[in-house]
N, C-alpha and C. Protein backbone atom coordinates (compact mmCIF):
# COMPACT_ATOMS: atom_id res chain seq x y z
N MET A 1 292.58 263.90 37.03
CA MET A 1 291.27 264.00 36.38
C MET A 1 291.32 264.92 35.17
N GLU A 2 290.49 264.59 34.20
CA GLU A 2 290.38 265.47 33.04
C GLU A 2 289.41 266.61 33.35
N LYS A 3 289.48 267.64 32.51
CA LYS A 3 288.69 268.85 32.76
C LYS A 3 287.19 268.53 32.80
N TYR A 4 286.70 267.68 31.92
CA TYR A 4 285.26 267.40 31.90
C TYR A 4 284.82 266.69 33.17
N GLN A 5 285.72 265.92 33.78
CA GLN A 5 285.38 265.25 35.03
C GLN A 5 285.28 266.25 36.18
N GLN A 6 286.18 267.21 36.19
CA GLN A 6 286.10 268.29 37.19
C GLN A 6 284.80 269.08 37.02
N GLU A 7 284.46 269.36 35.77
CA GLU A 7 283.22 270.09 35.48
C GLU A 7 282.01 269.28 35.91
N PHE A 8 282.08 267.96 35.75
CA PHE A 8 280.97 267.11 36.16
C PHE A 8 280.77 267.13 37.67
N ILE A 9 281.86 267.11 38.40
CA ILE A 9 281.78 267.17 39.87
C ILE A 9 281.12 268.48 40.30
N GLU A 10 281.54 269.58 39.71
CA GLU A 10 280.95 270.87 40.05
C GLU A 10 279.47 270.92 39.65
N PHE A 11 279.16 270.30 38.53
CA PHE A 11 277.76 270.21 38.07
C PHE A 11 276.93 269.42 39.08
N LEU A 12 277.45 268.33 39.60
CA LEU A 12 276.74 267.53 40.60
C LEU A 12 276.46 268.35 41.85
N ALA A 13 277.48 269.10 42.30
CA ALA A 13 277.33 269.88 43.53
C ALA A 13 276.36 271.04 43.33
N GLU A 14 276.52 271.78 42.25
CA GLU A 14 275.69 272.97 42.04
C GLU A 14 274.23 272.61 41.75
N SER A 15 274.00 271.47 41.12
CA SER A 15 272.63 271.06 40.80
C SER A 15 271.92 270.47 42.02
N GLY A 16 272.69 270.11 43.05
CA GLY A 16 272.10 269.47 44.22
C GLY A 16 272.00 267.96 44.10
N ALA A 17 272.55 267.40 43.03
CA ALA A 17 272.54 265.94 42.89
C ALA A 17 273.48 265.29 43.89
N LEU A 18 274.55 265.99 44.21
CA LEU A 18 275.47 265.53 45.25
C LEU A 18 275.24 266.40 46.48
N LYS A 19 274.65 265.80 47.50
CA LYS A 19 274.30 266.52 48.71
C LYS A 19 275.27 266.15 49.83
N PHE A 20 275.50 267.10 50.73
CA PHE A 20 276.42 266.89 51.84
C PHE A 20 275.71 267.13 53.16
N GLY A 21 276.06 266.34 54.17
CA GLY A 21 275.44 266.47 55.48
C GLY A 21 275.47 265.14 56.20
N GLN A 22 274.33 264.69 56.70
CA GLN A 22 274.21 263.38 57.33
C GLN A 22 272.97 262.69 56.76
N PHE A 23 273.18 261.55 56.11
CA PHE A 23 272.09 260.84 55.44
C PHE A 23 272.09 259.38 55.84
N THR A 24 270.94 258.87 56.24
CA THR A 24 270.80 257.45 56.52
C THR A 24 270.45 256.74 55.23
N LEU A 25 271.32 255.84 54.79
CA LEU A 25 271.12 255.13 53.54
C LEU A 25 270.20 253.93 53.74
N LYS A 26 269.77 253.34 52.65
CA LYS A 26 268.92 252.16 52.71
C LYS A 26 269.60 251.04 53.47
N SER A 27 270.92 250.99 53.39
CA SER A 27 271.71 249.97 54.08
C SER A 27 271.77 250.20 55.59
N GLY A 28 271.33 251.40 56.03
CA GLY A 28 271.42 251.76 57.44
C GLY A 28 272.68 252.54 57.78
N ARG A 29 273.57 252.65 56.81
CA ARG A 29 274.81 253.40 57.04
C ARG A 29 274.51 254.89 57.12
N LEU A 30 275.23 255.58 58.01
CA LEU A 30 275.10 257.03 58.13
C LEU A 30 276.20 257.67 57.29
N SER A 31 275.80 258.27 56.17
CA SER A 31 276.75 258.77 55.18
C SER A 31 276.85 260.28 55.20
N PRO A 32 278.05 260.84 54.99
CA PRO A 32 278.21 262.30 54.93
C PRO A 32 277.83 262.89 53.57
N TYR A 33 277.36 262.05 52.67
CA TYR A 33 276.93 262.55 51.36
C TYR A 33 275.84 261.65 50.80
N PHE A 34 275.13 262.17 49.80
CA PHE A 34 274.05 261.42 49.18
C PHE A 34 273.97 261.83 47.71
N ILE A 35 273.73 260.87 46.84
CA ILE A 35 273.62 261.15 45.40
C ILE A 35 272.17 260.95 44.97
N ASN A 36 271.58 262.02 44.43
CA ASN A 36 270.18 261.98 44.02
C ASN A 36 270.05 262.42 42.57
N ALA A 37 270.04 261.45 41.67
CA ALA A 37 269.97 261.76 40.24
C ALA A 37 268.59 262.25 39.82
N ALA A 38 267.61 262.16 40.72
CA ALA A 38 266.25 262.61 40.39
C ALA A 38 266.17 264.12 40.17
N VAL A 39 267.21 264.86 40.57
CA VAL A 39 267.18 266.32 40.37
C VAL A 39 267.36 266.69 38.90
N PHE A 40 267.83 265.76 38.08
CA PHE A 40 268.03 266.06 36.66
C PHE A 40 266.70 265.90 35.92
N ASN A 41 265.79 266.83 36.21
CA ASN A 41 264.41 266.65 35.73
C ASN A 41 263.92 267.79 34.85
N ASP A 42 264.86 268.52 34.23
CA ASP A 42 264.44 269.50 33.23
C ASP A 42 265.38 269.43 32.03
N GLY A 43 265.06 270.20 31.01
CA GLY A 43 265.80 270.11 29.76
C GLY A 43 267.27 270.47 29.90
N LYS A 44 267.56 271.56 30.60
CA LYS A 44 268.93 272.02 30.75
C LYS A 44 269.80 271.00 31.47
N LEU A 45 269.32 270.53 32.63
CA LEU A 45 270.10 269.59 33.42
C LEU A 45 270.23 268.24 32.70
N SER A 46 269.15 267.80 32.08
CA SER A 46 269.19 266.52 31.36
C SER A 46 270.19 266.56 30.21
N ALA A 47 270.22 267.68 29.48
CA ALA A 47 271.15 267.81 28.36
C ALA A 47 272.60 267.77 28.83
N LYS A 48 272.88 268.44 29.96
CA LYS A 48 274.24 268.45 30.49
C LYS A 48 274.64 267.07 30.97
N LEU A 49 273.71 266.38 31.64
CA LEU A 49 274.02 265.04 32.11
C LEU A 49 274.32 264.11 30.94
N GLY A 50 273.50 264.21 29.90
CA GLY A 50 273.74 263.40 28.71
C GLY A 50 275.10 263.67 28.09
N TYR A 51 275.52 264.94 28.10
CA TYR A 51 276.84 265.27 27.54
C TYR A 51 277.95 264.57 28.31
N PHE A 52 277.89 264.59 29.64
CA PHE A 52 278.96 264.00 30.43
C PHE A 52 279.03 262.49 30.23
N PHE A 53 277.88 261.84 30.13
CA PHE A 53 277.90 260.41 29.83
C PHE A 53 278.47 260.16 28.44
N ALA A 54 278.05 260.97 27.47
CA ALA A 54 278.55 260.81 26.11
C ALA A 54 280.06 261.01 26.03
N LYS A 55 280.55 261.99 26.76
CA LYS A 55 281.99 262.27 26.78
C LYS A 55 282.76 261.10 27.37
N LYS A 56 282.27 260.55 28.49
CA LYS A 56 282.95 259.42 29.12
C LYS A 56 282.94 258.19 28.22
N ILE A 57 281.81 257.92 27.59
CA ILE A 57 281.71 256.77 26.69
C ILE A 57 282.66 256.92 25.51
N THR A 58 282.68 258.11 24.92
CA THR A 58 283.53 258.36 23.76
C THR A 58 285.01 258.27 24.14
N ALA A 59 285.36 258.80 25.30
CA ALA A 59 286.75 258.75 25.75
C ALA A 59 287.18 257.33 26.07
N THR A 60 286.24 256.48 26.44
CA THR A 60 286.56 255.11 26.85
C THR A 60 286.49 254.11 25.70
N LEU A 61 285.42 254.19 24.90
CA LEU A 61 285.17 253.18 23.87
C LEU A 61 285.25 253.71 22.45
N GLY A 62 285.32 255.02 22.27
CA GLY A 62 285.21 255.56 20.92
C GLY A 62 283.82 255.29 20.39
N GLU A 63 283.73 254.57 19.27
CA GLU A 63 282.43 254.21 18.71
C GLU A 63 282.24 252.69 18.70
N ASP A 64 282.99 251.98 19.51
CA ASP A 64 283.02 250.52 19.47
C ASP A 64 281.88 249.90 20.28
N TYR A 65 280.65 250.20 19.89
CA TYR A 65 279.44 249.65 20.50
C TYR A 65 278.28 249.95 19.55
N ASP A 66 277.13 249.32 19.83
CA ASP A 66 276.01 249.46 18.90
C ASP A 66 274.77 250.11 19.50
N ILE A 67 274.46 249.81 20.76
CA ILE A 67 273.20 250.27 21.36
C ILE A 67 273.43 250.77 22.79
N LEU A 68 272.75 251.85 23.14
CA LEU A 68 272.71 252.34 24.52
C LEU A 68 271.45 251.77 25.18
N PHE A 69 271.62 251.08 26.29
CA PHE A 69 270.47 250.47 26.96
C PHE A 69 270.29 251.06 28.34
N GLY A 70 269.05 251.53 28.63
CA GLY A 70 268.74 252.12 29.92
C GLY A 70 267.75 251.27 30.69
N PRO A 71 268.19 250.60 31.76
CA PRO A 71 267.27 249.78 32.55
C PRO A 71 266.17 250.63 33.19
N ALA A 72 264.94 250.13 33.14
CA ALA A 72 263.83 250.84 33.79
C ALA A 72 264.07 250.90 35.30
N TYR A 73 263.87 252.06 35.93
CA TYR A 73 263.31 253.26 35.33
C TYR A 73 264.35 254.35 35.13
N LYS A 74 265.29 254.47 36.06
CA LYS A 74 266.23 255.60 36.01
C LYS A 74 267.13 255.58 34.79
N GLY A 75 267.35 254.41 34.24
CA GLY A 75 268.23 254.33 33.08
C GLY A 75 267.57 254.79 31.79
N ILE A 76 266.24 254.88 31.79
CA ILE A 76 265.53 255.24 30.55
C ILE A 76 265.90 256.64 30.06
N PRO A 77 265.74 257.70 30.87
CA PRO A 77 266.14 259.01 30.38
C PRO A 77 267.63 259.10 30.09
N LEU A 78 268.45 258.37 30.84
CA LEU A 78 269.90 258.41 30.59
C LEU A 78 270.23 257.93 29.18
N ALA A 79 269.59 256.85 28.76
CA ALA A 79 269.87 256.33 27.42
C ALA A 79 269.47 257.33 26.35
N VAL A 80 268.31 257.95 26.50
CA VAL A 80 267.83 258.92 25.51
C VAL A 80 268.71 260.17 25.51
N GLU A 81 268.99 260.71 26.70
CA GLU A 81 269.82 261.92 26.81
C GLU A 81 271.21 261.69 26.23
N THR A 82 271.78 260.54 26.53
CA THR A 82 273.14 260.25 26.06
C THR A 82 273.17 260.06 24.55
N SER A 83 272.16 259.38 24.00
CA SER A 83 272.08 259.21 22.56
C SER A 83 272.01 260.56 21.85
N MET A 84 271.21 261.46 22.39
CA MET A 84 271.09 262.79 21.80
C MET A 84 272.40 263.57 21.90
N ALA A 85 273.06 263.46 23.05
CA ALA A 85 274.33 264.18 23.25
C ALA A 85 275.43 263.63 22.35
N LEU A 86 275.44 262.32 22.15
CA LEU A 86 276.45 261.73 21.25
C LEU A 86 276.34 262.33 19.85
N TRP A 87 275.09 262.50 19.39
CA TRP A 87 274.90 263.07 18.06
C TRP A 87 275.21 264.57 18.05
N LYS A 88 274.67 265.29 19.01
CA LYS A 88 274.81 266.74 19.03
C LYS A 88 276.26 267.18 19.23
N ASP A 89 276.96 266.55 20.17
CA ASP A 89 278.29 267.02 20.57
C ASP A 89 279.44 266.27 19.93
N PHE A 90 279.19 265.03 19.45
CA PHE A 90 280.29 264.22 18.92
C PHE A 90 280.00 263.65 17.53
N GLN A 91 278.84 263.98 16.98
CA GLN A 91 278.44 263.49 15.66
C GLN A 91 278.51 261.97 15.56
N ILE A 92 278.13 261.30 16.66
CA ILE A 92 278.06 259.84 16.71
C ILE A 92 276.59 259.47 16.87
N ASN A 93 276.07 258.71 15.91
CA ASN A 93 274.64 258.36 15.93
C ASN A 93 274.46 256.93 16.39
N LYS A 94 273.98 256.76 17.62
CA LYS A 94 273.76 255.44 18.20
C LYS A 94 272.32 255.33 18.70
N PRO A 95 271.67 254.19 18.46
CA PRO A 95 270.29 254.02 18.92
C PRO A 95 270.22 253.69 20.40
N TRP A 96 269.01 253.84 20.97
CA TRP A 96 268.78 253.52 22.37
C TRP A 96 267.65 252.52 22.50
N ALA A 97 267.62 251.86 23.65
CA ALA A 97 266.54 250.93 23.97
C ALA A 97 266.40 250.87 25.48
N PHE A 98 265.22 250.44 25.93
CA PHE A 98 265.04 250.20 27.36
C PHE A 98 264.02 249.09 27.55
N ASP A 99 263.96 248.56 28.76
CA ASP A 99 263.05 247.45 29.05
C ASP A 99 261.80 247.93 29.75
N ARG A 100 260.74 247.17 29.59
CA ARG A 100 259.53 247.37 30.37
C ARG A 100 259.60 246.49 31.61
N LYS A 101 258.96 246.94 32.67
CA LYS A 101 258.89 246.11 33.87
C LYS A 101 257.99 244.90 33.64
N GLU A 102 256.95 245.10 32.81
CA GLU A 102 256.05 244.02 32.47
C GLU A 102 255.89 243.95 30.96
N GLU A 103 255.84 242.75 30.42
CA GLU A 103 255.73 242.59 28.97
C GLU A 103 254.40 243.09 28.47
N LYS A 104 254.43 243.82 27.35
CA LYS A 104 253.22 244.36 26.74
C LYS A 104 252.65 243.34 25.76
N ALA A 105 251.35 243.09 25.89
CA ALA A 105 250.71 242.04 25.09
C ALA A 105 249.94 242.57 23.89
N HIS A 106 249.95 243.89 23.67
CA HIS A 106 249.21 244.45 22.53
C HIS A 106 250.06 245.54 21.87
N GLY A 107 249.64 245.96 20.67
CA GLY A 107 250.39 247.00 19.96
C GLY A 107 251.82 246.55 19.70
N ASP A 108 252.79 247.38 20.14
CA ASP A 108 254.20 247.01 20.00
C ASP A 108 254.55 246.05 21.15
N LYS A 109 254.20 244.81 20.96
CA LYS A 109 254.34 243.80 22.01
C LYS A 109 255.82 243.61 22.39
N GLY A 110 255.98 243.03 23.58
CA GLY A 110 257.33 242.66 24.00
C GLY A 110 257.83 243.39 25.22
N MET A 111 259.08 243.11 25.59
CA MET A 111 259.69 243.67 26.79
C MET A 111 260.57 244.89 26.50
N ILE A 112 260.94 245.09 25.23
CA ILE A 112 261.90 246.12 24.89
C ILE A 112 261.25 247.23 24.08
N VAL A 113 261.58 248.48 24.44
CA VAL A 113 261.14 249.66 23.69
C VAL A 113 262.38 250.28 23.05
N GLY A 114 262.22 250.74 21.80
CA GLY A 114 263.35 251.35 21.12
C GLY A 114 263.94 250.42 20.08
N LYS A 115 265.25 250.50 19.90
CA LYS A 115 265.93 249.69 18.88
C LYS A 115 265.80 248.20 19.20
N GLU A 116 265.42 247.43 18.20
CA GLU A 116 265.31 245.98 18.37
C GLU A 116 266.69 245.38 18.58
N LEU A 117 266.81 244.53 19.58
CA LEU A 117 268.09 243.89 19.89
C LEU A 117 268.33 242.70 18.96
N GLN A 118 269.55 242.62 18.43
CA GLN A 118 269.91 241.55 17.52
C GLN A 118 271.11 240.78 18.07
N ASP A 119 271.26 239.53 17.64
CA ASP A 119 272.43 238.75 18.04
C ASP A 119 273.71 239.50 17.65
N ASP A 120 274.67 239.47 18.56
CA ASP A 120 276.00 240.08 18.38
C ASP A 120 276.02 241.60 18.50
N ASP A 121 274.87 242.23 18.78
CA ASP A 121 274.90 243.66 19.09
C ASP A 121 275.80 243.89 20.31
N ARG A 122 276.58 244.98 20.25
CA ARG A 122 277.42 245.36 21.39
C ARG A 122 276.66 246.42 22.19
N VAL A 123 276.26 246.04 23.40
CA VAL A 123 275.35 246.85 24.20
C VAL A 123 276.08 247.52 25.37
N ILE A 124 275.77 248.80 25.57
CA ILE A 124 276.20 249.53 26.76
C ILE A 124 275.00 249.70 27.68
N ILE A 125 275.18 249.38 28.96
CA ILE A 125 274.14 249.63 29.97
C ILE A 125 274.47 250.93 30.70
N LEU A 126 273.48 251.81 30.82
CA LEU A 126 273.66 253.09 31.50
C LEU A 126 272.81 253.14 32.76
N ASP A 127 273.38 253.63 33.86
CA ASP A 127 272.62 253.79 35.09
C ASP A 127 273.29 254.87 35.94
N ASP A 128 272.57 255.34 36.97
CA ASP A 128 273.13 256.43 37.77
C ASP A 128 274.19 255.94 38.74
N VAL A 129 273.91 254.83 39.44
CA VAL A 129 274.88 254.31 40.42
C VAL A 129 274.92 252.79 40.32
N PHE A 130 275.86 252.21 41.05
CA PHE A 130 276.00 250.75 41.14
C PHE A 130 276.06 250.42 42.61
N THR A 131 275.05 249.68 43.10
CA THR A 131 275.02 249.35 44.52
C THR A 131 275.42 247.89 44.71
N THR A 132 274.46 246.98 44.62
CA THR A 132 274.78 245.56 44.77
C THR A 132 275.03 244.87 43.43
N GLY A 133 274.55 245.47 42.36
CA GLY A 133 274.66 244.84 41.05
C GLY A 133 273.48 243.98 40.68
N ALA A 134 272.53 243.81 41.61
CA ALA A 134 271.37 242.94 41.36
C ALA A 134 270.54 243.42 40.18
N ALA A 135 270.32 244.74 40.09
CA ALA A 135 269.52 245.28 38.99
C ALA A 135 270.21 245.06 37.65
N LYS A 136 271.54 245.17 37.62
CA LYS A 136 272.29 244.94 36.38
C LYS A 136 272.20 243.47 35.97
N GLU A 137 272.32 242.57 36.97
CA GLU A 137 272.21 241.14 36.69
C GLU A 137 270.83 240.81 36.09
N GLU A 138 269.80 241.41 36.64
CA GLU A 138 268.44 241.16 36.17
C GLU A 138 268.25 241.58 34.73
N VAL A 139 268.74 242.78 34.39
CA VAL A 139 268.53 243.26 33.03
C VAL A 139 269.39 242.50 32.03
N ILE A 140 270.57 242.06 32.45
CA ILE A 140 271.41 241.25 31.56
C ILE A 140 270.70 239.95 31.19
N GLU A 141 270.12 239.29 32.18
CA GLU A 141 269.40 238.04 31.91
C GLU A 141 268.17 238.30 31.03
N LYS A 142 267.50 239.43 31.26
CA LYS A 142 266.33 239.77 30.46
C LYS A 142 266.73 239.97 28.99
N ILE A 143 267.82 240.71 28.77
CA ILE A 143 268.29 240.99 27.41
C ILE A 143 268.73 239.70 26.73
N ARG A 144 269.47 238.87 27.44
CA ARG A 144 269.99 237.64 26.84
C ARG A 144 268.89 236.63 26.57
N GLY A 145 267.70 236.83 27.18
CA GLY A 145 266.56 236.00 26.86
C GLY A 145 265.91 236.41 25.55
N ILE A 146 266.35 237.57 25.02
CA ILE A 146 265.79 238.11 23.77
C ILE A 146 266.75 237.93 22.60
N ALA A 147 268.04 238.20 22.85
CA ALA A 147 269.05 238.09 21.79
C ALA A 147 270.41 237.79 22.42
N HIS A 148 271.26 237.17 21.64
CA HIS A 148 272.60 236.83 22.13
C HIS A 148 273.53 238.03 21.87
N VAL A 149 273.34 239.06 22.68
CA VAL A 149 274.13 240.27 22.52
C VAL A 149 275.46 240.14 23.26
N ARG A 150 276.35 241.08 23.00
CA ARG A 150 277.60 241.21 23.75
C ARG A 150 277.53 242.52 24.53
N PHE A 151 277.94 242.49 25.79
CA PHE A 151 277.90 243.70 26.60
C PHE A 151 279.27 244.36 26.59
N ALA A 152 279.30 245.57 26.02
CA ALA A 152 280.57 246.30 25.90
C ALA A 152 281.02 246.86 27.24
N ALA A 153 280.06 247.35 28.05
CA ALA A 153 280.42 247.96 29.34
C ALA A 153 279.16 248.41 30.05
N VAL A 154 279.32 248.71 31.32
CA VAL A 154 278.32 249.42 32.11
C VAL A 154 278.91 250.78 32.45
N PHE A 155 278.12 251.84 32.26
CA PHE A 155 278.56 253.19 32.61
C PHE A 155 277.64 253.76 33.68
N ILE A 156 278.24 254.29 34.75
CA ILE A 156 277.48 254.92 35.82
C ILE A 156 278.02 256.33 36.05
N ALA A 157 277.24 257.14 36.77
CA ALA A 157 277.67 258.53 37.01
C ALA A 157 278.77 258.58 38.07
N VAL A 158 278.52 257.98 39.24
CA VAL A 158 279.46 258.07 40.36
C VAL A 158 279.66 256.70 40.99
N ASP A 159 280.91 256.34 41.18
CA ASP A 159 281.26 255.13 41.91
C ASP A 159 281.42 255.49 43.38
N ARG A 160 280.57 254.95 44.25
CA ARG A 160 280.64 255.24 45.68
C ARG A 160 281.85 254.58 46.33
N GLN A 161 282.47 253.61 45.67
CA GLN A 161 283.67 252.93 46.16
C GLN A 161 283.46 252.34 47.56
N GLU A 162 282.35 251.64 47.72
CA GLU A 162 282.04 251.06 49.02
C GLU A 162 281.95 249.54 48.96
N LYS A 163 282.15 248.93 50.13
CA LYS A 163 281.91 247.50 50.28
C LYS A 163 280.41 247.25 50.33
N ASN A 164 280.00 246.06 49.88
CA ASN A 164 278.60 245.70 50.02
C ASN A 164 278.35 245.11 51.41
N ALA A 165 277.17 244.57 51.63
CA ALA A 165 276.82 244.05 52.95
C ALA A 165 277.72 242.90 53.38
N ASP A 166 278.31 242.21 52.39
CA ASP A 166 279.21 241.09 52.68
C ASP A 166 280.65 241.53 52.85
N GLY A 167 280.88 242.84 52.81
CA GLY A 167 282.24 243.35 52.96
C GLY A 167 283.10 243.23 51.72
N LYS A 168 282.44 243.04 50.55
CA LYS A 168 283.18 242.87 49.30
C LYS A 168 282.92 244.04 48.36
N ASN A 169 283.78 244.17 47.38
CA ASN A 169 283.64 245.19 46.35
C ASN A 169 282.64 244.69 45.31
N ALA A 170 281.41 245.25 45.35
CA ALA A 170 280.34 244.76 44.48
C ALA A 170 280.67 244.92 43.00
N ILE A 171 281.32 246.01 42.64
CA ILE A 171 281.65 246.23 41.23
C ILE A 171 282.67 245.21 40.75
N LYS A 172 283.71 244.97 41.55
CA LYS A 172 284.72 244.00 41.14
C LYS A 172 284.12 242.60 41.03
N GLU A 173 283.24 242.26 41.97
CA GLU A 173 282.58 240.95 41.90
C GLU A 173 281.77 240.81 40.61
N PHE A 174 281.05 241.87 40.25
CA PHE A 174 280.26 241.87 39.02
C PHE A 174 281.18 241.73 37.80
N GLU A 175 282.26 242.52 37.76
CA GLU A 175 283.19 242.47 36.63
C GLU A 175 283.81 241.08 36.49
N ASP A 176 284.20 240.48 37.60
CA ASP A 176 284.82 239.16 37.56
C ASP A 176 283.84 238.09 37.10
N LYS A 177 282.60 238.20 37.57
CA LYS A 177 281.58 237.20 37.24
C LYS A 177 281.13 237.32 35.79
N ARG A 178 280.84 238.54 35.37
CA ARG A 178 280.24 238.76 34.06
C ARG A 178 281.25 239.09 32.97
N GLU A 179 282.46 239.43 33.37
CA GLU A 179 283.50 239.88 32.42
C GLU A 179 283.01 241.08 31.62
N ILE A 180 282.32 241.97 32.32
CA ILE A 180 281.83 243.22 31.74
C ILE A 180 282.43 244.37 32.56
N PRO A 181 283.20 245.27 31.95
CA PRO A 181 283.79 246.38 32.72
C PRO A 181 282.75 247.40 33.14
N VAL A 182 282.95 247.98 34.32
CA VAL A 182 282.09 249.05 34.82
C VAL A 182 282.92 250.33 34.88
N HIS A 183 282.43 251.38 34.22
CA HIS A 183 283.13 252.66 34.19
C HIS A 183 282.25 253.74 34.84
N SER A 184 282.84 254.56 35.67
CA SER A 184 282.13 255.70 36.25
C SER A 184 282.71 256.99 35.68
N ILE A 185 281.84 258.00 35.55
CA ILE A 185 282.37 259.29 35.10
C ILE A 185 283.38 259.81 36.11
N VAL A 186 283.02 259.70 37.39
CA VAL A 186 283.95 260.04 38.48
C VAL A 186 283.73 259.08 39.64
N THR A 187 284.65 259.08 40.58
CA THR A 187 284.47 258.36 41.84
C THR A 187 284.14 259.37 42.93
N VAL A 188 283.60 258.88 44.03
CA VAL A 188 283.28 259.80 45.13
C VAL A 188 284.56 260.38 45.72
N ARG A 189 285.66 259.64 45.65
CA ARG A 189 286.95 260.18 46.11
C ARG A 189 287.37 261.34 45.22
N ASP A 190 287.16 261.21 43.91
CA ASP A 190 287.43 262.32 42.99
C ASP A 190 286.65 263.56 43.42
N ALA A 191 285.36 263.35 43.72
CA ALA A 191 284.48 264.47 44.04
C ALA A 191 284.93 265.19 45.30
N PHE A 192 285.17 264.45 46.35
CA PHE A 192 285.58 265.09 47.61
C PHE A 192 286.94 265.77 47.48
N SER A 193 287.86 265.14 46.78
CA SER A 193 289.20 265.73 46.62
C SER A 193 289.14 267.03 45.82
N HIS A 194 288.33 267.03 44.76
CA HIS A 194 288.22 268.23 43.92
C HIS A 194 287.52 269.37 44.65
N LEU A 195 286.49 269.06 45.42
CA LEU A 195 285.69 270.09 46.07
C LEU A 195 286.26 270.55 47.42
N ARG A 196 287.20 269.82 47.96
CA ARG A 196 287.74 270.14 49.28
C ARG A 196 288.29 271.57 49.34
N GLY A 197 287.66 272.41 50.13
CA GLY A 197 288.10 273.78 50.32
C GLY A 197 287.97 274.68 49.12
N ARG A 198 287.38 274.18 48.03
CA ARG A 198 287.28 274.94 46.79
C ARG A 198 285.96 275.72 46.75
N GLU A 199 286.04 276.98 46.38
CA GLU A 199 284.84 277.80 46.28
C GLU A 199 284.28 277.69 44.87
N ILE A 200 283.04 277.23 44.79
CA ILE A 200 282.34 277.08 43.51
C ILE A 200 281.14 278.02 43.54
N SER A 201 281.15 279.01 42.64
CA SER A 201 280.05 279.99 42.57
C SER A 201 279.76 280.59 43.94
N GLY A 202 280.81 280.92 44.67
CA GLY A 202 280.68 281.59 45.96
C GLY A 202 280.39 280.68 47.14
N LYS A 203 280.47 279.36 46.93
CA LYS A 203 280.16 278.43 48.02
C LYS A 203 281.21 277.33 48.12
N VAL A 204 281.61 277.01 49.36
CA VAL A 204 282.51 275.89 49.60
C VAL A 204 281.64 274.70 50.03
N TYR A 205 281.60 273.67 49.20
CA TYR A 205 280.74 272.53 49.47
C TYR A 205 281.38 271.53 50.43
N VAL A 206 282.69 271.37 50.35
CA VAL A 206 283.38 270.40 51.20
C VAL A 206 284.37 271.13 52.10
N THR A 207 283.97 271.33 53.34
CA THR A 207 284.84 271.94 54.35
C THR A 207 285.82 270.89 54.89
N GLU A 208 286.78 271.33 55.68
CA GLU A 208 287.72 270.39 56.28
C GLU A 208 287.00 269.42 57.22
N LYS A 209 285.98 269.91 57.92
CA LYS A 209 285.21 269.03 58.81
C LYS A 209 284.48 267.97 58.01
N LEU A 210 283.85 268.35 56.91
CA LEU A 210 283.14 267.40 56.08
C LEU A 210 284.10 266.40 55.45
N TYR A 211 285.26 266.88 55.04
CA TYR A 211 286.25 265.98 54.45
C TYR A 211 286.73 264.96 55.48
N SER A 212 286.90 265.41 56.72
CA SER A 212 287.29 264.50 57.80
C SER A 212 286.21 263.44 58.05
N ASP A 213 284.94 263.86 58.00
CA ASP A 213 283.83 262.92 58.16
C ASP A 213 283.83 261.90 57.02
N PHE A 214 284.14 262.37 55.82
CA PHE A 214 284.22 261.48 54.66
C PHE A 214 285.33 260.45 54.84
N GLU A 215 286.49 260.90 55.31
CA GLU A 215 287.61 259.98 55.54
C GLU A 215 287.24 258.91 56.57
N ASP A 216 286.54 259.32 57.60
CA ASP A 216 286.10 258.36 58.62
C ASP A 216 285.15 257.34 58.02
N TYR A 217 284.26 257.80 57.16
CA TYR A 217 283.28 256.93 56.51
C TYR A 217 284.00 255.93 55.61
N VAL A 218 284.99 256.41 54.86
CA VAL A 218 285.74 255.55 53.95
C VAL A 218 286.51 254.47 54.73
N LYS A 219 287.07 254.84 55.86
CA LYS A 219 287.80 253.86 56.67
C LYS A 219 286.90 252.71 57.11
N GLN A 220 285.63 253.02 57.34
CA GLN A 220 284.70 252.01 57.80
C GLN A 220 284.07 251.21 56.66
N TYR A 221 283.72 251.89 55.57
CA TYR A 221 282.93 251.26 54.53
C TYR A 221 283.60 251.23 53.15
N GLY A 222 284.70 251.92 52.98
CA GLY A 222 285.32 252.01 51.67
C GLY A 222 285.99 250.73 51.24
N ILE A 223 286.15 250.57 49.94
CA ILE A 223 286.81 249.39 49.40
C ILE A 223 288.32 249.52 49.51
């Protein structure tokens, strides 16, 4: 891992976005960890999150894209934060856009807020996690109903590296179907390996017992 990825893992743990314990997921699975991006709800945390996304995008694509797109709702602040960080930290000026859940019939009519989408625009989709891929599929169809864009990539914060309900790798299925790469800043394996037994600001987040629970979880649900 690169230094910024290690810093991102520690940022997730210290901010409380990456929680450890026992959590019942929407799928019914009992997980030893939980990712809650809703904690990034102030200026300081939002700015740092935007930096890490900007760093990952720049390290992966350079400037080879045109628009940052944030699917409603969680993707909206991500697109804005990342656009600001790209300019502030990397002197790269890229516009952002996001979709409305319902089309607006007055004023600035339409489904899209922000930069107008044009044919052949190279679009990046930003989101916190990737579960089944259904939300990404929906926004892709919505965008392609507006303009014939090209999708450069999908960027997420953490790859849970889990099988879906059908026992398949949802990200790989999406990549194979859409021919759009999915990049995560880190994987959950990265996070547990980096934090295992490590003291961060006077606290050990991943004990040997927790790491063992994680390994058991991965054996059952991991890809």
